[in-house]
Amino acid sequence: MNFKHNLLAIAIAIILAFFVGYGIEVFHDSPERTDFCPEVYEVIDEKACMEAGGIWNADHAPKGERGFCSNKIQCHKPYEDARESHDKVVFIVSLIAGVIAILIGMNLKHDSISRGLSIGGVFLLLYGTMRYWTHANDILKFVLLGIALAILLWIGIKKLK
């Protein structure tokens, strides 16, 4: 393959990954921390801090300061739960789109398009897995890696003779 074909394959791979990633965000917004935890860190007054829904920390202030405002601990758990739920959607959609892109890429006769779709599919598998990886337990991680390895081995055996 010449330079132009390689460039096209790389461009297809990158744009495919961005297309699917942004498509997920269009139809399933990422949770915003500020929807769960108000912006209170710039508040410098105890009364304003309380009105904003924060906690005034006078006892833990650096030496020479009166105190500082921080979020209540309770706001972080709902945000983390919403983020985990969103990351699961990203994982599932990216996994499905990635596998489909790899399978289509392996069956096309156009080298640069085939390579681009296949590499883009791998990018999507990586993207979805990285987004959900911190939320998955060790058993799920092991199973996911095993499934990915089995699929790649199957593709290698069946399609790359």
N, C-alpha and C. Protein backbone atom coordinates (compact mmCIF):
# COMPACT_ATOMS: atom_id res chain seq x y z
N MET A 1 0.85 -1.19 0.00
CA MET A 1 0.00 0.00 0.00
C MET A 1 0.89 1.24 0.00
N ASN A 2 0.47 2.22 -0.76
CA ASN A 2 1.27 3.43 -0.81
C ASN A 2 0.84 4.43 0.26
N PHE A 3 1.51 5.55 0.30
CA PHE A 3 1.30 6.57 1.32
C PHE A 3 -0.15 7.04 1.37
N LYS A 4 -0.76 7.28 0.22
CA LYS A 4 -2.13 7.78 0.17
C LYS A 4 -3.11 6.78 0.77
N HIS A 5 -2.91 5.52 0.47
CA HIS A 5 -3.78 4.49 1.02
C HIS A 5 -3.63 4.38 2.54
N ASN A 6 -2.38 4.45 3.01
CA ASN A 6 -2.15 4.42 4.46
C ASN A 6 -2.76 5.62 5.15
N LEU A 7 -2.62 6.77 4.54
CA LEU A 7 -3.19 7.99 5.11
C LEU A 7 -4.70 7.90 5.18
N LEU A 8 -5.32 7.39 4.13
CA LEU A 8 -6.78 7.22 4.13
C LEU A 8 -7.20 6.23 5.21
N ALA A 9 -6.48 5.13 5.37
CA ALA A 9 -6.82 4.14 6.39
C ALA A 9 -6.74 4.76 7.79
N ILE A 10 -5.69 5.52 8.05
CA ILE A 10 -5.54 6.17 9.36
C ILE A 10 -6.65 7.18 9.59
N ALA A 11 -6.97 7.97 8.57
CA ALA A 11 -8.03 8.97 8.69
C ALA A 11 -9.38 8.30 8.98
N ILE A 12 -9.68 7.22 8.27
CA ILE A 12 -10.93 6.50 8.50
C ILE A 12 -10.98 5.97 9.93
N ALA A 13 -9.89 5.40 10.39
CA ALA A 13 -9.85 4.85 11.75
C ALA A 13 -10.11 5.92 12.80
N ILE A 14 -9.45 7.05 12.67
CA ILE A 14 -9.60 8.11 13.66
C ILE A 14 -11.00 8.72 13.60
N ILE A 15 -11.47 9.02 12.40
CA ILE A 15 -12.80 9.64 12.27
C ILE A 15 -13.90 8.68 12.72
N LEU A 16 -13.76 7.40 12.44
CA LEU A 16 -14.75 6.42 12.92
C LEU A 16 -14.83 6.43 14.44
N ALA A 17 -13.68 6.42 15.10
CA ALA A 17 -13.68 6.42 16.57
C ALA A 17 -14.31 7.71 17.12
N PHE A 18 -13.96 8.85 16.54
CA PHE A 18 -14.56 10.12 16.97
C PHE A 18 -16.06 10.14 16.68
N PHE A 19 -16.45 9.65 15.52
CA PHE A 19 -17.86 9.64 15.12
C PHE A 19 -18.70 8.86 16.12
N VAL A 20 -18.26 7.67 16.45
CA VAL A 20 -19.02 6.85 17.40
C VAL A 20 -18.97 7.48 18.80
N GLY A 21 -17.80 7.96 19.22
CA GLY A 21 -17.68 8.58 20.54
C GLY A 21 -18.57 9.79 20.70
N TYR A 22 -18.56 10.68 19.72
CA TYR A 22 -19.42 11.87 19.79
C TYR A 22 -20.88 11.50 19.60
N GLY A 23 -21.15 10.49 18.80
CA GLY A 23 -22.52 10.03 18.64
C GLY A 23 -23.11 9.56 19.95
N ILE A 24 -22.32 8.87 20.74
CA ILE A 24 -22.79 8.43 22.06
C ILE A 24 -23.14 9.66 22.91
N GLU A 25 -22.29 10.67 22.89
CA GLU A 25 -22.53 11.87 23.69
C GLU A 25 -23.76 12.64 23.22
N VAL A 26 -24.05 12.61 21.92
CA VAL A 26 -25.22 13.30 21.40
C VAL A 26 -26.49 12.66 21.94
N PHE A 27 -26.52 11.33 21.98
CA PHE A 27 -27.73 10.63 22.38
C PHE A 27 -27.76 10.21 23.85
N HIS A 28 -26.62 10.31 24.54
CA HIS A 28 -26.55 9.93 25.95
C HIS A 28 -25.49 10.80 26.63
N ASP A 29 -25.91 11.98 27.07
CA ASP A 29 -24.97 12.95 27.65
C ASP A 29 -24.20 12.41 28.84
N SER A 30 -22.94 12.81 28.92
CA SER A 30 -22.14 12.53 30.11
C SER A 30 -22.70 13.33 31.28
N PRO A 31 -22.72 12.75 32.46
CA PRO A 31 -23.16 13.54 33.62
C PRO A 31 -22.13 14.63 33.93
N GLU A 32 -22.61 15.77 34.34
CA GLU A 32 -21.74 16.87 34.74
C GLU A 32 -21.66 16.90 36.26
N ARG A 33 -20.46 17.04 36.78
CA ARG A 33 -20.28 17.09 38.23
C ARG A 33 -21.11 18.22 38.85
N THR A 34 -21.21 19.34 38.14
CA THR A 34 -21.94 20.49 38.69
C THR A 34 -23.44 20.22 38.80
N ASP A 35 -23.96 19.21 38.10
CA ASP A 35 -25.37 18.84 38.26
C ASP A 35 -25.60 18.15 39.61
N PHE A 36 -24.56 17.63 40.20
CA PHE A 36 -24.67 16.91 41.47
C PHE A 36 -24.00 17.66 42.62
N CYS A 37 -22.91 18.34 42.31
CA CYS A 37 -22.13 19.05 43.31
C CYS A 37 -21.97 20.50 42.85
N PRO A 38 -22.53 21.46 43.60
CA PRO A 38 -22.45 22.86 43.15
C PRO A 38 -21.02 23.38 43.18
N GLU A 39 -20.76 24.39 42.35
CA GLU A 39 -19.45 25.05 42.33
C GLU A 39 -19.38 25.97 43.54
N VAL A 40 -18.66 25.55 44.55
CA VAL A 40 -18.59 26.34 45.79
C VAL A 40 -17.17 26.70 46.18
N TYR A 41 -16.19 26.29 45.41
CA TYR A 41 -14.80 26.45 45.83
C TYR A 41 -14.32 27.89 45.77
N GLU A 42 -14.99 28.75 45.01
CA GLU A 42 -14.60 30.15 44.92
C GLU A 42 -15.30 31.00 45.99
N VAL A 43 -16.25 30.41 46.71
CA VAL A 43 -16.98 31.15 47.74
C VAL A 43 -16.05 31.37 48.92
N ILE A 44 -15.96 32.61 49.38
CA ILE A 44 -15.01 32.92 50.46
C ILE A 44 -15.69 33.37 51.74
N ASP A 45 -16.99 33.18 51.83
CA ASP A 45 -17.77 33.64 52.98
C ASP A 45 -18.61 32.47 53.49
N GLU A 46 -18.66 32.29 54.81
CA GLU A 46 -19.38 31.15 55.39
C GLU A 46 -20.86 31.17 55.04
N LYS A 47 -21.51 32.32 55.13
CA LYS A 47 -22.94 32.42 54.83
C LYS A 47 -23.22 32.08 53.36
N ALA A 48 -22.43 32.66 52.46
CA ALA A 48 -22.61 32.38 51.03
C ALA A 48 -22.35 30.91 50.73
N CYS A 49 -21.40 30.32 51.44
CA CYS A 49 -21.09 28.90 51.27
C CYS A 49 -22.30 28.04 51.63
N MET A 50 -22.90 28.33 52.75
CA MET A 50 -24.06 27.55 53.20
C MET A 50 -25.23 27.73 52.23
N GLU A 51 -25.43 28.96 51.73
CA GLU A 51 -26.51 29.22 50.78
C GLU A 51 -26.28 28.48 49.46
N ALA A 52 -25.03 28.29 49.09
CA ALA A 52 -24.70 27.60 47.84
C ALA A 52 -24.79 26.08 47.99
N GLY A 53 -25.01 25.60 49.20
CA GLY A 53 -25.11 24.15 49.43
C GLY A 53 -23.80 23.51 49.80
N GLY A 54 -22.82 24.31 50.19
CA GLY A 54 -21.52 23.77 50.55
C GLY A 54 -21.34 23.64 52.05
N ILE A 55 -20.14 23.27 52.45
CA ILE A 55 -19.76 23.13 53.86
C ILE A 55 -18.59 24.08 54.11
N TRP A 56 -18.71 24.90 55.15
CA TRP A 56 -17.63 25.82 55.50
C TRP A 56 -16.62 25.08 56.37
N ASN A 57 -15.37 25.09 55.98
CA ASN A 57 -14.30 24.37 56.66
C ASN A 57 -13.35 25.36 57.34
N ALA A 58 -13.71 25.80 58.50
CA ALA A 58 -12.86 26.75 59.22
C ALA A 58 -11.73 26.02 59.94
N ASP A 59 -12.01 24.82 60.42
CA ASP A 59 -11.02 24.07 61.21
C ASP A 59 -9.88 23.53 60.35
N HIS A 60 -10.11 23.32 59.09
CA HIS A 60 -9.11 22.71 58.23
C HIS A 60 -8.45 23.72 57.28
N ALA A 61 -8.66 24.99 57.55
CA ALA A 61 -8.12 26.04 56.66
C ALA A 61 -6.60 26.14 56.81
N PRO A 62 -5.93 26.47 55.72
CA PRO A 62 -4.49 26.71 55.82
C PRO A 62 -4.20 27.85 56.79
N LYS A 63 -3.04 27.84 57.38
CA LYS A 63 -2.65 28.84 58.38
C LYS A 63 -2.78 30.25 57.78
N GLY A 64 -3.44 31.12 58.51
CA GLY A 64 -3.61 32.50 58.07
C GLY A 64 -4.89 32.73 57.30
N GLU A 65 -5.67 31.68 56.98
CA GLU A 65 -6.94 31.84 56.26
C GLU A 65 -8.09 31.56 57.21
N ARG A 66 -9.25 32.20 56.92
CA ARG A 66 -10.44 32.04 57.78
C ARG A 66 -11.12 30.70 57.58
N GLY A 67 -11.06 30.19 56.40
CA GLY A 67 -11.74 28.94 56.08
C GLY A 67 -11.96 28.84 54.58
N PHE A 68 -12.58 27.77 54.16
CA PHE A 68 -12.88 27.59 52.74
C PHE A 68 -14.15 26.78 52.60
N CYS A 69 -14.74 26.88 51.44
CA CYS A 69 -16.01 26.22 51.15
C CYS A 69 -15.74 24.97 50.31
N SER A 70 -16.41 23.88 50.64
CA SER A 70 -16.29 22.65 49.85
C SER A 70 -17.66 22.00 49.72
N ASN A 71 -17.75 21.06 48.80
CA ASN A 71 -19.01 20.33 48.60
C ASN A 71 -19.24 19.34 49.72
N LYS A 72 -20.50 19.04 49.92
CA LYS A 72 -20.86 17.98 50.87
C LYS A 72 -20.44 16.64 50.29
N ILE A 73 -20.02 15.76 51.13
CA ILE A 73 -19.58 14.42 50.71
C ILE A 73 -20.70 13.69 49.96
N GLN A 74 -21.93 13.90 50.37
CA GLN A 74 -23.07 13.18 49.80
C GLN A 74 -23.28 13.44 48.31
N CYS A 75 -22.78 14.54 47.78
CA CYS A 75 -23.03 14.85 46.37
C CYS A 75 -22.17 14.00 45.44
N HIS A 76 -21.07 13.47 45.94
CA HIS A 76 -20.15 12.74 45.06
C HIS A 76 -20.66 11.36 44.67
N LYS A 77 -21.35 10.66 45.54
CA LYS A 77 -21.83 9.31 45.25
C LYS A 77 -22.83 9.28 44.09
N PRO A 78 -23.86 10.14 44.08
CA PRO A 78 -24.78 10.13 42.93
C PRO A 78 -24.08 10.46 41.62
N TYR A 79 -23.11 11.36 41.67
CA TYR A 79 -22.36 11.69 40.45
C TYR A 79 -21.57 10.48 39.97
N GLU A 80 -20.87 9.81 40.87
CA GLU A 80 -20.09 8.63 40.48
C GLU A 80 -20.99 7.53 39.94
N ASP A 81 -22.18 7.36 40.53
CA ASP A 81 -23.13 6.36 40.03
C ASP A 81 -23.59 6.70 38.60
N ALA A 82 -23.89 7.99 38.37
CA ALA A 82 -24.33 8.42 37.04
C ALA A 82 -23.19 8.26 36.03
N ARG A 83 -21.97 8.56 36.46
CA ARG A 83 -20.81 8.41 35.56
C ARG A 83 -20.58 6.94 35.22
N GLU A 84 -20.73 6.06 36.21
CA GLU A 84 -20.55 4.63 35.94
C GLU A 84 -21.61 4.13 34.96
N SER A 85 -22.84 4.58 35.13
CA SER A 85 -23.92 4.18 34.22
C SER A 85 -23.63 4.67 32.80
N HIS A 86 -23.17 5.91 32.68
CA HIS A 86 -22.84 6.44 31.35
C HIS A 86 -21.66 5.69 30.73
N ASP A 87 -20.64 5.41 31.53
CA ASP A 87 -19.48 4.68 31.02
C ASP A 87 -19.85 3.27 30.57
N LYS A 88 -20.85 2.68 31.21
CA LYS A 88 -21.31 1.36 30.78
C LYS A 88 -21.96 1.46 29.40
N VAL A 89 -22.75 2.50 29.17
CA VAL A 89 -23.36 2.72 27.85
C VAL A 89 -22.27 2.92 26.80
N VAL A 90 -21.27 3.74 27.13
CA VAL A 90 -20.15 3.98 26.21
C VAL A 90 -19.46 2.66 25.89
N PHE A 91 -19.23 1.85 26.90
CA PHE A 91 -18.57 0.56 26.71
C PHE A 91 -19.38 -0.34 25.78
N ILE A 92 -20.66 -0.47 26.04
CA ILE A 92 -21.50 -1.39 25.26
C ILE A 92 -21.59 -0.93 23.80
N VAL A 93 -21.87 0.36 23.59
CA VAL A 93 -22.01 0.88 22.23
C VAL A 93 -20.67 0.79 21.49
N SER A 94 -19.58 1.17 22.16
CA SER A 94 -18.26 1.10 21.51
C SER A 94 -17.87 -0.33 21.19
N LEU A 95 -18.18 -1.25 22.07
CA LEU A 95 -17.87 -2.65 21.83
C LEU A 95 -18.63 -3.18 20.61
N ILE A 96 -19.92 -2.89 20.56
CA ILE A 96 -20.72 -3.36 19.44
C ILE A 96 -20.26 -2.71 18.13
N ALA A 97 -20.08 -1.39 18.15
CA ALA A 97 -19.64 -0.68 16.94
C ALA A 97 -18.24 -1.14 16.52
N GLY A 98 -17.37 -1.37 17.50
CA GLY A 98 -16.02 -1.82 17.19
C GLY A 98 -15.98 -3.19 16.54
N VAL A 99 -16.75 -4.12 17.08
CA VAL A 99 -16.79 -5.47 16.51
C VAL A 99 -17.39 -5.43 15.10
N ILE A 100 -18.46 -4.64 14.93
CA ILE A 100 -19.07 -4.53 13.60
C ILE A 100 -18.08 -3.93 12.61
N ALA A 101 -17.37 -2.88 13.03
CA ALA A 101 -16.38 -2.24 12.13
C ALA A 101 -15.27 -3.21 11.75
N ILE A 102 -14.80 -3.99 12.71
CA ILE A 102 -13.75 -4.98 12.42
C ILE A 102 -14.26 -6.03 11.45
N LEU A 103 -15.46 -6.53 11.70
CA LEU A 103 -16.02 -7.57 10.81
C LEU A 103 -16.25 -7.03 9.40
N ILE A 104 -16.78 -5.82 9.28
CA ILE A 104 -16.98 -5.23 7.96
C ILE A 104 -15.63 -5.00 7.29
N GLY A 105 -14.69 -4.47 8.06
CA GLY A 105 -13.36 -4.22 7.52
C GLY A 105 -12.68 -5.48 7.01
N MET A 106 -12.87 -6.59 7.71
CA MET A 106 -12.26 -7.85 7.30
C MET A 106 -12.90 -8.43 6.04
N ASN A 107 -14.11 -7.99 5.73
CA ASN A 107 -14.82 -8.55 4.58
C ASN A 107 -14.80 -7.66 3.34
N LEU A 108 -14.27 -6.46 3.46
CA LEU A 108 -14.20 -5.56 2.30
C LEU A 108 -12.99 -5.88 1.45
N LYS A 109 -13.11 -5.57 0.18
CA LYS A 109 -12.02 -5.83 -0.76
C LYS A 109 -11.12 -4.60 -0.97
N HIS A 110 -11.54 -3.44 -0.51
CA HIS A 110 -10.76 -2.20 -0.67
C HIS A 110 -9.78 -2.11 0.50
N ASP A 111 -8.49 -2.23 0.21
CA ASP A 111 -7.47 -2.29 1.25
C ASP A 111 -7.50 -1.13 2.24
N SER A 112 -7.49 0.09 1.76
CA SER A 112 -7.40 1.23 2.67
C SER A 112 -8.67 1.37 3.51
N ILE A 113 -9.82 1.15 2.92
CA ILE A 113 -11.08 1.23 3.68
C ILE A 113 -11.16 0.08 4.66
N SER A 114 -10.78 -1.10 4.22
CA SER A 114 -10.78 -2.28 5.08
C SER A 114 -9.89 -2.07 6.30
N ARG A 115 -8.68 -1.59 6.05
CA ARG A 115 -7.75 -1.33 7.15
C ARG A 115 -8.26 -0.24 8.08
N GLY A 116 -8.80 0.82 7.49
CA GLY A 116 -9.32 1.93 8.30
C GLY A 116 -10.44 1.49 9.23
N LEU A 117 -11.38 0.72 8.68
CA LEU A 117 -12.49 0.23 9.51
C LEU A 117 -11.99 -0.73 10.60
N SER A 118 -11.06 -1.59 10.23
CA SER A 118 -10.53 -2.55 11.20
C SER A 118 -9.78 -1.85 12.33
N ILE A 119 -8.93 -0.91 11.97
CA ILE A 119 -8.18 -0.18 12.99
C ILE A 119 -9.12 0.69 13.82
N GLY A 120 -10.09 1.34 13.15
CA GLY A 120 -11.08 2.12 13.87
C GLY A 120 -11.88 1.27 14.85
N GLY A 121 -12.20 0.04 14.44
CA GLY A 121 -12.88 -0.88 15.34
C GLY A 121 -12.05 -1.21 16.57
N VAL A 122 -10.77 -1.41 16.35
CA VAL A 122 -9.87 -1.67 17.49
C VAL A 122 -9.82 -0.45 18.40
N PHE A 123 -9.74 0.76 17.82
CA PHE A 123 -9.78 1.98 18.63
C PHE A 123 -11.05 2.04 19.47
N LEU A 124 -12.18 1.68 18.87
CA LEU A 124 -13.45 1.70 19.60
C LEU A 124 -13.46 0.69 20.75
N LEU A 125 -12.91 -0.49 20.50
CA LEU A 125 -12.82 -1.48 21.57
C LEU A 125 -11.98 -0.95 22.72
N LEU A 126 -10.86 -0.32 22.39
CA LEU A 126 -9.99 0.26 23.42
C LEU A 126 -10.68 1.40 24.16
N TYR A 127 -11.33 2.27 23.43
CA TYR A 127 -12.00 3.42 24.02
C TYR A 127 -13.09 2.98 25.01
N GLY A 128 -13.97 2.10 24.57
CA GLY A 128 -15.04 1.63 25.44
C GLY A 128 -14.52 0.91 26.66
N THR A 129 -13.51 0.08 26.46
CA THR A 129 -12.94 -0.67 27.57
C THR A 129 -12.27 0.26 28.57
N MET A 130 -11.52 1.24 28.08
CA MET A 130 -10.86 2.18 29.00
C MET A 130 -11.86 3.00 29.79
N ARG A 131 -12.97 3.37 29.16
CA ARG A 131 -13.98 4.16 29.88
C ARG A 131 -14.62 3.36 31.01
N TYR A 132 -14.82 2.06 30.81
CA TYR A 132 -15.52 1.26 31.82
C TYR A 132 -14.56 0.52 32.75
N TRP A 133 -13.30 0.47 32.42
CA TRP A 133 -12.34 -0.36 33.13
C TRP A 133 -12.31 -0.09 34.63
N THR A 134 -12.33 1.17 35.05
CA THR A 134 -12.25 1.50 36.48
C THR A 134 -13.48 1.05 37.26
N HIS A 135 -14.59 0.84 36.57
CA HIS A 135 -15.82 0.44 37.25
C HIS A 135 -15.97 -1.08 37.32
N ALA A 136 -15.28 -1.80 36.46
CA ALA A 136 -15.44 -3.25 36.38
C ALA A 136 -14.64 -3.94 37.48
N ASN A 137 -15.18 -5.05 37.99
CA ASN A 137 -14.42 -5.82 38.97
C ASN A 137 -13.45 -6.75 38.24
N ASP A 138 -12.57 -7.39 38.98
CA ASP A 138 -11.51 -8.20 38.37
C ASP A 138 -12.05 -9.36 37.53
N ILE A 139 -13.13 -9.99 37.97
CA ILE A 139 -13.70 -11.10 37.22
C ILE A 139 -14.23 -10.61 35.87
N LEU A 140 -14.95 -9.48 35.90
CA LEU A 140 -15.47 -8.93 34.65
C LEU A 140 -14.33 -8.53 33.72
N LYS A 141 -13.27 -7.94 34.25
CA LYS A 141 -12.12 -7.58 33.43
C LYS A 141 -11.51 -8.82 32.77
N PHE A 142 -11.38 -9.88 33.54
CA PHE A 142 -10.83 -11.14 33.01
C PHE A 142 -11.71 -11.69 31.90
N VAL A 143 -13.03 -11.69 32.13
CA VAL A 143 -13.98 -12.20 31.14
C VAL A 143 -13.94 -11.33 29.87
N LEU A 144 -13.93 -10.00 30.03
CA LEU A 144 -13.89 -9.11 28.88
C LEU A 144 -12.63 -9.32 28.04
N LEU A 145 -11.51 -9.45 28.70
CA LEU A 145 -10.27 -9.69 27.98
C LEU A 145 -10.29 -11.05 27.27
N GLY A 146 -10.86 -12.05 27.92
CA GLY A 146 -10.97 -13.37 27.32
C GLY A 146 -11.85 -13.35 26.08
N ILE A 147 -12.98 -12.65 26.16
CA ILE A 147 -13.88 -12.54 25.01
C ILE A 147 -13.19 -11.80 23.86
N ALA A 148 -12.53 -10.69 24.19
CA ALA A 148 -11.82 -9.93 23.15
C ALA A 148 -10.75 -10.78 22.49
N LEU A 149 -9.99 -11.52 23.28
CA LEU A 149 -8.95 -12.38 22.74
C LEU A 149 -9.55 -13.46 21.85
N ALA A 150 -10.65 -14.07 22.29
CA ALA A 150 -11.31 -15.12 21.51
C ALA A 150 -11.81 -14.57 20.17
N ILE A 151 -12.40 -13.38 20.19
CA ILE A 151 -12.90 -12.78 18.95
C ILE A 151 -11.74 -12.49 17.99
N LEU A 152 -10.67 -11.92 18.52
CA LEU A 152 -9.52 -11.61 17.67
C LEU A 152 -8.88 -12.87 17.10
N LEU A 153 -8.78 -13.92 17.91
CA LEU A 153 -8.23 -15.18 17.41
C LEU A 153 -9.14 -15.77 16.33
N TRP A 154 -10.46 -15.72 16.55
CA TRP A 154 -11.39 -16.23 15.56
C TRP A 154 -11.26 -15.46 14.26
N ILE A 155 -11.20 -14.13 14.34
CA ILE A 155 -11.03 -13.31 13.14
C ILE A 155 -9.73 -13.68 12.43
N GLY A 156 -8.68 -13.84 13.20
CA GLY A 156 -7.38 -14.19 12.61
C GLY A 156 -7.41 -15.53 11.92
N ILE A 157 -8.06 -16.50 12.52
CA ILE A 157 -8.12 -17.84 11.94
C ILE A 157 -9.04 -17.90 10.73
N LYS A 158 -10.23 -17.29 10.84
CA LYS A 158 -11.23 -17.39 9.78
C LYS A 158 -10.97 -16.43 8.62
N LYS A 159 -10.49 -15.25 8.90
CA LYS A 159 -10.43 -14.22 7.86
C LYS A 159 -9.02 -13.99 7.31
N LEU A 160 -8.01 -14.27 8.08
CA LEU A 160 -6.64 -14.00 7.62
C LEU A 160 -5.92 -15.31 7.38
N LYS A 161 -6.31 -16.00 6.34
CA LYS A 161 -5.73 -17.33 6.06
C LYS A 161 -4.34 -17.22 5.49
